[in-house]
Amino acid sequence: MTWMKTIATEVWGLFVDDGHFAVSIVLWLAVTGGLLPRLGIDSSWLGIILFAGLGLILLESAIRRASK
């Protein structure tokens, strides 16, 4: 059974190098796609908010990676 866990971990590692980065992006996409339109935010701002959030996530990840 441990060999299955090893294989799953290796496959996950092929596609996801930084789990925190990947989860942050998925959560931000869920927020901007699902929550923000329901709050009544003008749709012309959604793209800007999406871009800014993804940029901040990338910046945070780069800073965290550089400090290792």
PDB file of N, CA and C in Angstrom:
ATOM      1  N   MET A   1       0.804  -1.196   0.000  1.00  0.00           N
ATOM      2  CA  MET A   1       0.000   0.000   0.000  1.00  0.00           C
ATOM      3  C   MET A   1       0.851   1.266   0.000  1.00  0.00           C
ATOM      4  N   THR A   2       2.046   1.176   0.564  1.00  0.00           N
ATOM      5  CA  THR A   2       2.912   2.357   0.571  1.00  0.00           C
ATOM      6  C   THR A   2       3.401   2.695  -0.835  1.00  0.00           C
ATOM      7  N   TRP A   3       3.489   1.706  -1.693  1.00  0.00           N
ATOM      8  CA  TRP A   3       3.923   1.987  -3.058  1.00  0.00           C
ATOM      9  C   TRP A   3       2.886   2.836  -3.792  1.00  0.00           C
ATOM     10  N   MET A   4       1.596   2.660  -3.470  1.00  0.00           N
ATOM     11  CA  MET A   4       0.555   3.486  -4.091  1.00  0.00           C
ATOM     12  C   MET A   4       0.669   4.940  -3.626  1.00  0.00           C
ATOM     13  N   LYS A   5       0.977   5.113  -2.351  1.00  0.00           N
ATOM     14  CA  LYS A   5       1.149   6.457  -1.824  1.00  0.00           C
ATOM     15  C   LYS A   5       2.366   7.117  -2.469  1.00  0.00           C
ATOM     16  N   THR A   6       3.420   6.353  -2.654  1.00  0.00           N
ATOM     17  CA  THR A   6       4.625   6.876  -3.291  1.00  0.00           C
ATOM     18  C   THR A   6       4.334   7.308  -4.725  1.00  0.00           C
ATOM     19  N   ILE A   7       3.610   6.485  -5.456  1.00  0.00           N
ATOM     20  CA  ILE A   7       3.258   6.820  -6.839  1.00  0.00           C
ATOM     21  C   ILE A   7       2.384   8.068  -6.883  1.00  0.00           C
ATOM     22  N   ALA A   8       1.392   8.141  -6.001  1.00  0.00           N
ATOM     23  CA  ALA A   8       0.512   9.308  -5.963  1.00  0.00           C
ATOM     24  C   ALA A   8       1.287  10.579  -5.636  1.00  0.00           C
ATOM     25  N   THR A   9       2.218  10.482  -4.714  1.00  0.00           N
ATOM     26  CA  THR A   9       3.043  11.633  -4.346  1.00  0.00           C
ATOM     27  C   THR A   9       3.914  12.072  -5.512  1.00  0.00           C
ATOM     28  N   GLU A  10       4.476  11.121  -6.235  1.00  0.00           N
ATOM     29  CA  GLU A  10       5.317  11.451  -7.385  1.00  0.00           C
ATOM     30  C   GLU A  10       4.504  12.094  -8.507  1.00  0.00           C
ATOM     31  N   VAL A  11       3.320  11.581  -8.774  1.00  0.00           N
ATOM     32  CA  VAL A  11       2.467  12.156  -9.824  1.00  0.00           C
ATOM     33  C   VAL A  11       2.046  13.569  -9.425  1.00  0.00           C
ATOM     34  N   TRP A  12       1.666  13.757  -8.173  1.00  0.00           N
ATOM     35  CA  TRP A  12       1.316  15.086  -7.680  1.00  0.00           C
ATOM     36  C   TRP A  12       2.497  16.048  -7.859  1.00  0.00           C
ATOM     37  N   GLY A  13       3.697  15.580  -7.536  1.00  0.00           N
ATOM     38  CA  GLY A  13       4.896  16.392  -7.661  1.00  0.00           C
ATOM     39  C   GLY A  13       5.235  16.760  -9.090  1.00  0.00           C
ATOM     40  N   LEU A  14       4.798  15.963 -10.056  1.00  0.00           N
ATOM     41  CA  LEU A  14       5.022  16.292 -11.458  1.00  0.00           C
ATOM     42  C   LEU A  14       4.266  17.551 -11.867  1.00  0.00           C
ATOM     43  N   PHE A  15       3.080  17.728 -11.308  1.00  0.00           N
ATOM     44  CA  PHE A  15       2.225  18.827 -11.725  1.00  0.00           C
ATOM     45  C   PHE A  15       2.211  19.998 -10.748  1.00  0.00           C
ATOM     46  N   VAL A  16       2.473  19.726  -9.490  1.00  0.00           N
ATOM     47  CA  VAL A  16       2.409  20.775  -8.471  1.00  0.00           C
ATOM     48  C   VAL A  16       3.739  20.815  -7.723  1.00  0.00           C
ATOM     49  N   ASP A  17       4.483  21.895  -7.958  1.00  0.00           N
ATOM     50  CA  ASP A  17       5.764  22.056  -7.278  1.00  0.00           C
ATOM     51  C   ASP A  17       5.568  22.694  -5.910  1.00  0.00           C
ATOM     52  N   ASP A  18       4.664  23.642  -5.822  1.00  0.00           N
ATOM     53  CA  ASP A  18       4.409  24.361  -4.580  1.00  0.00           C
ATOM     54  C   ASP A  18       2.914  24.254  -4.268  1.00  0.00           C
ATOM     55  N   GLY A  19       2.581  23.421  -3.317  1.00  0.00           N
ATOM     56  CA  GLY A  19       1.184  23.177  -2.982  1.00  0.00           C
ATOM     57  C   GLY A  19       0.475  24.417  -2.468  1.00  0.00           C
ATOM     58  N   HIS A  20       1.148  25.221  -1.663  1.00  0.00           N
ATOM     59  CA  HIS A  20       0.550  26.451  -1.138  1.00  0.00           C
ATOM     60  C   HIS A  20       0.202  27.401  -2.276  1.00  0.00           C
ATOM     61  N   PHE A  21       1.092  27.528  -3.248  1.00  0.00           N
ATOM     62  CA  PHE A  21       0.875  28.384  -4.414  1.00  0.00           C
ATOM     63  C   PHE A  21      -0.339  27.910  -5.216  1.00  0.00           C
ATOM     64  N   ALA A  22      -0.420  26.605  -5.463  1.00  0.00           N
ATOM     65  CA  ALA A  22      -1.521  26.052  -6.239  1.00  0.00           C
ATOM     66  C   ALA A  22      -2.856  26.227  -5.525  1.00  0.00           C
ATOM     67  N   VAL A  23      -2.896  25.954  -4.239  1.00  0.00           N
ATOM     68  CA  VAL A  23      -4.138  26.097  -3.475  1.00  0.00           C
ATOM     69  C   VAL A  23      -4.555  27.563  -3.413  1.00  0.00           C
ATOM     70  N   SER A  24      -3.603  28.458  -3.255  1.00  0.00           N
ATOM     71  CA  SER A  24      -3.925  29.884  -3.219  1.00  0.00           C
ATOM     72  C   SER A  24      -4.557  30.344  -4.520  1.00  0.00           C
ATOM     73  N   ILE A  25      -4.026  29.882  -5.639  1.00  0.00           N
ATOM     74  CA  ILE A  25      -4.581  30.259  -6.939  1.00  0.00           C
ATOM     75  C   ILE A  25      -5.996  29.722  -7.098  1.00  0.00           C
ATOM     76  N   VAL A  26      -6.202  28.468  -6.742  1.00  0.00           N
ATOM     77  CA  VAL A  26      -7.542  27.881  -6.866  1.00  0.00           C
ATOM     78  C   VAL A  26      -8.546  28.619  -5.984  1.00  0.00           C
ATOM     79  N   LEU A  27      -8.149  28.942  -4.761  1.00  0.00           N
ATOM     80  CA  LEU A  27      -9.043  29.684  -3.865  1.00  0.00           C
ATOM     81  C   LEU A  27      -9.336  31.081  -4.395  1.00  0.00           C
ATOM     82  N   TRP A  28      -8.320  31.759  -4.928  1.00  0.00           N
ATOM     83  CA  TRP A  28      -8.538  33.098  -5.467  1.00  0.00           C
ATOM     84  C   TRP A  28      -9.459  33.050  -6.682  1.00  0.00           C
ATOM     85  N   LEU A  29      -9.303  32.043  -7.535  1.00  0.00           N
ATOM     86  CA  LEU A  29     -10.203  31.900  -8.677  1.00  0.00           C
ATOM     87  C   LEU A  29     -11.639  31.651  -8.220  1.00  0.00           C
ATOM     88  N   ALA A  30     -11.802  30.860  -7.157  1.00  0.00           N
ATOM     89  CA  ALA A  30     -13.137  30.605  -6.619  1.00  0.00           C
ATOM     90  C   ALA A  30     -13.752  31.879  -6.052  1.00  0.00           C
ATOM     91  N   VAL A  31     -12.944  32.669  -5.365  1.00  0.00           N
ATOM     92  CA  VAL A  31     -13.447  33.922  -4.788  1.00  0.00           C
ATOM     93  C   VAL A  31     -13.852  34.896  -5.886  1.00  0.00           C
ATOM     94  N   THR A  32     -12.970  35.097  -6.864  1.00  0.00           N
ATOM     95  CA  THR A  32     -13.264  36.070  -7.911  1.00  0.00           C
ATOM     96  C   THR A  32     -14.360  35.582  -8.856  1.00  0.00           C
ATOM     97  N   GLY A  33     -14.462  34.299  -9.050  1.00  0.00           N
ATOM     98  CA  GLY A  33     -15.485  33.784  -9.950  1.00  0.00           C
ATOM     99  C   GLY A  33     -16.828  33.550  -9.290  1.00  0.00           C
ATOM    100  N   GLY A  34     -16.820  33.250  -7.997  1.00  0.00           N
ATOM    101  CA  GLY A  34     -18.066  32.902  -7.339  1.00  0.00           C
ATOM    102  C   GLY A  34     -18.584  33.926  -6.364  1.00  0.00           C
ATOM    103  N   LEU A  35     -17.695  34.526  -5.596  1.00  0.00           N
ATOM    104  CA  LEU A  35     -18.132  35.411  -4.516  1.00  0.00           C
ATOM    105  C   LEU A  35     -18.258  36.865  -4.954  1.00  0.00           C
ATOM    106  N   LEU A  36     -17.280  37.380  -5.646  1.00  0.00           N
ATOM    107  CA  LEU A  36     -17.286  38.796  -5.999  1.00  0.00           C
ATOM    108  C   LEU A  36     -18.477  39.211  -6.854  1.00  0.00           C
ATOM    109  N   PRO A  37     -18.893  38.423  -7.851  1.00  0.00           N
ATOM    110  CA  PRO A  37     -20.081  38.838  -8.615  1.00  0.00           C
ATOM    111  C   PRO A  37     -21.346  38.915  -7.756  1.00  0.00           C
ATOM    112  N   ARG A  38     -21.416  38.107  -6.727  1.00  0.00           N
ATOM    113  CA  ARG A  38     -22.590  38.127  -5.848  1.00  0.00           C
ATOM    114  C   ARG A  38     -22.587  39.304  -4.892  1.00  0.00           C
ATOM    115  N   LEU A  39     -21.439  39.928  -4.701  1.00  0.00           N
ATOM    116  CA  LEU A  39     -21.346  41.091  -3.823  1.00  0.00           C
ATOM    117  C   LEU A  39     -21.757  42.377  -4.530  1.00  0.00           C
ATOM    118  N   GLY A  40     -22.038  42.273  -5.805  1.00  0.00           N
ATOM    119  CA  GLY A  40     -22.485  43.438  -6.554  1.00  0.00           C
ATOM    120  C   GLY A  40     -21.361  44.303  -7.091  1.00  0.00           C
ATOM    121  N   ILE A  41     -20.161  43.751  -7.151  1.00  0.00           N
ATOM    122  CA  ILE A  41     -19.031  44.502  -7.698  1.00  0.00           C
ATOM    123  C   ILE A  41     -19.199  44.590  -9.208  1.00  0.00           C
ATOM    124  N   ASP A  42     -18.966  45.767  -9.751  1.00  0.00           N
ATOM    125  CA  ASP A  42     -19.100  45.993 -11.182  1.00  0.00           C
ATOM    126  C   ASP A  42     -18.216  45.026 -11.963  1.00  0.00           C
ATOM    127  N   SER A  43     -18.752  44.437 -12.995  1.00  0.00           N
ATOM    128  CA  SER A  43     -18.031  43.397 -13.736  1.00  0.00           C
ATOM    129  C   SER A  43     -16.768  43.923 -14.421  1.00  0.00           C
ATOM    130  N   SER A  44     -16.700  45.213 -14.664  1.00  0.00           N
ATOM    131  CA  SER A  44     -15.491  45.752 -15.293  1.00  0.00           C
ATOM    132  C   SER A  44     -14.297  45.719 -14.335  1.00  0.00           C
ATOM    133  N   TRP A  45     -14.539  45.605 -13.034  1.00  0.00           N
ATOM    134  CA  TRP A  45     -13.468  45.546 -12.049  1.00  0.00           C
ATOM    135  C   TRP A  45     -12.996  44.123 -11.778  1.00  0.00           C
ATOM    136  N   LEU A  46     -13.776  43.121 -12.153  1.00  0.00           N
ATOM    137  CA  LEU A  46     -13.441  41.740 -11.796  1.00  0.00           C
ATOM    138  C   LEU A  46     -12.121  41.278 -12.400  1.00  0.00           C
ATOM    139  N   GLY A  47     -11.867  41.649 -13.642  1.00  0.00           N
ATOM    140  CA  GLY A  47     -10.599  41.280 -14.279  1.00  0.00           C
ATOM    141  C   GLY A  47      -9.404  41.920 -13.602  1.00  0.00           C
ATOM    142  N   ILE A  48      -9.568  43.175 -13.210  1.00  0.00           N
ATOM    143  CA  ILE A  48      -8.486  43.883 -12.523  1.00  0.00           C
ATOM    144  C   ILE A  48      -8.225  43.251 -11.165  1.00  0.00           C
ATOM    145  N   ILE A  49      -9.300  42.927 -10.449  1.00  0.00           N
ATOM    146  CA  ILE A  49      -9.165  42.301  -9.133  1.00  0.00           C
ATOM    147  C   ILE A  49      -8.529  40.921  -9.264  1.00  0.00           C
ATOM    148  N   LEU A  50      -8.935  40.157 -10.280  1.00  0.00           N
ATOM    149  CA  LEU A  50      -8.355  38.833 -10.524  1.00  0.00           C
ATOM    150  C   LEU A  50      -6.863  38.955 -10.793  1.00  0.00           C
ATOM    151  N   PHE A  51      -6.489  39.863 -11.690  1.00  0.00           N
ATOM    152  CA  PHE A  51      -5.081  40.054 -12.048  1.00  0.00           C
ATOM    153  C   PHE A  51      -4.264  40.501 -10.843  1.00  0.00           C
ATOM    154  N   ALA A  52      -4.776  41.452 -10.073  1.00  0.00           N
ATOM    155  CA  ALA A  52      -4.051  41.961  -8.907  1.00  0.00           C
ATOM    156  C   ALA A  52      -3.851  40.864  -7.866  1.00  0.00           C
ATOM    157  N   GLY A  53      -4.887  40.072  -7.626  1.00  0.00           N
ATOM    158  CA  GLY A  53      -4.773  38.995  -6.649  1.00  0.00           C
ATOM    159  C   GLY A  53      -3.772  37.940  -7.073  1.00  0.00           C
ATOM    160  N   LEU A  54      -3.812  37.560  -8.340  1.00  0.00           N
ATOM    161  CA  LEU A  54      -2.852  36.564  -8.831  1.00  0.00           C
ATOM    162  C   LEU A  54      -1.427  37.108  -8.777  1.00  0.00           C
ATOM    163  N   GLY A  55      -1.275  38.395  -9.064  1.00  0.00           N
ATOM    164  CA  GLY A  55       0.050  39.006  -8.959  1.00  0.00           C
ATOM    165  C   GLY A  55       0.569  38.995  -7.534  1.00  0.00           C
ATOM    166  N   LEU A  56      -0.302  39.292  -6.578  1.00  0.00           N
ATOM    167  CA  LEU A  56       0.106  39.259  -5.172  1.00  0.00           C
ATOM    168  C   LEU A  56       0.449  37.850  -4.713  1.00  0.00           C
ATOM    169  N   ILE A  57      -0.314  36.874  -5.188  1.00  0.00           N
ATOM    170  CA  ILE A  57      -0.018  35.472  -4.849  1.00  0.00           C
ATOM    171  C   ILE A  57       1.346  35.078  -5.408  1.00  0.00           C
ATOM    172  N   LEU A  58       1.622  35.476  -6.639  1.00  0.00           N
ATOM    173  CA  LEU A  58       2.922  35.182  -7.251  1.00  0.00           C
ATOM    174  C   LEU A  58       4.054  35.875  -6.497  1.00  0.00           C
ATOM    175  N   LEU A  59       3.850  37.131  -6.122  1.00  0.00           N
ATOM    176  CA  LEU A  59       4.860  37.872  -5.371  1.00  0.00           C
ATOM    177  C   LEU A  59       5.133  37.219  -4.022  1.00  0.00           C
ATOM    178  N   GLU A  60       4.074  36.835  -3.321  1.00  0.00           N
ATOM    179  CA  GLU A  60       4.241  36.178  -2.019  1.00  0.00           C
ATOM    180  C   GLU A  60       4.986  34.865  -2.163  1.00  0.00           C
ATOM    181  N   SER A  61       4.666  34.114  -3.196  1.00  0.00           N
ATOM    182  CA  SER A  61       5.334  32.835  -3.424  1.00  0.00           C
ATOM    183  C   SER A  61       6.813  33.036  -3.749  1.00  0.00           C
ATOM    184  N   ALA A  62       7.109  34.042  -4.559  1.00  0.00           N
ATOM    185  CA  ALA A  62       8.509  34.307  -4.917  1.00  0.00           C
ATOM    186  C   ALA A  62       9.316  34.749  -3.702  1.00  0.00           C
ATOM    187  N   ILE A  63       8.718  35.581  -2.859  1.00  0.00           N
ATOM    188  CA  ILE A  63       9.415  36.027  -1.646  1.00  0.00           C
ATOM    189  C   ILE A  63       9.632  34.852  -0.700  1.00  0.00           C
ATOM    190  N   ARG A  64       8.610  34.025  -0.551  1.00  0.00           N
ATOM    191  CA  ARG A  64       8.731  32.858   0.336  1.00  0.00           C
ATOM    192  C   ARG A  64       9.793  31.899  -0.188  1.00  0.00           C
ATOM    193  N   ARG A  65       9.835  31.704  -1.507  1.00  0.00           N
ATOM    194  CA  ARG A  65      10.806  30.793  -2.118  1.00  0.00           C
ATOM    195  C   ARG A  65      12.225  31.343  -2.004  1.00  0.00           C
ATOM    196  N   ALA A  66      12.375  32.663  -2.133  1.00  0.00           N
ATOM    197  CA  ALA A  66      13.701  33.279  -2.062  1.00  0.00           C
ATOM    198  C   ALA A  66      14.273  33.237  -0.653  1.00  0.00           C
ATOM    199  N   SER A  67      13.402  33.211   0.343  1.00  0.00           N
ATOM    200  CA  SER A  67      13.898  33.206   1.716  1.00  0.00           C
ATOM    201  C   SER A  67      14.317  31.816   2.183  1.00  0.00           C
ATOM    202  N   LYS A  68      14.051  30.797   1.390  1.00  0.00           N
ATOM    203  CA  LYS A  68      14.445  29.429   1.772  1.00  0.00           C
ATOM    204  C   LYS A  68      15.908  29.208   1.530  1.00  0.00           C
TER     205      LYS A  68
END
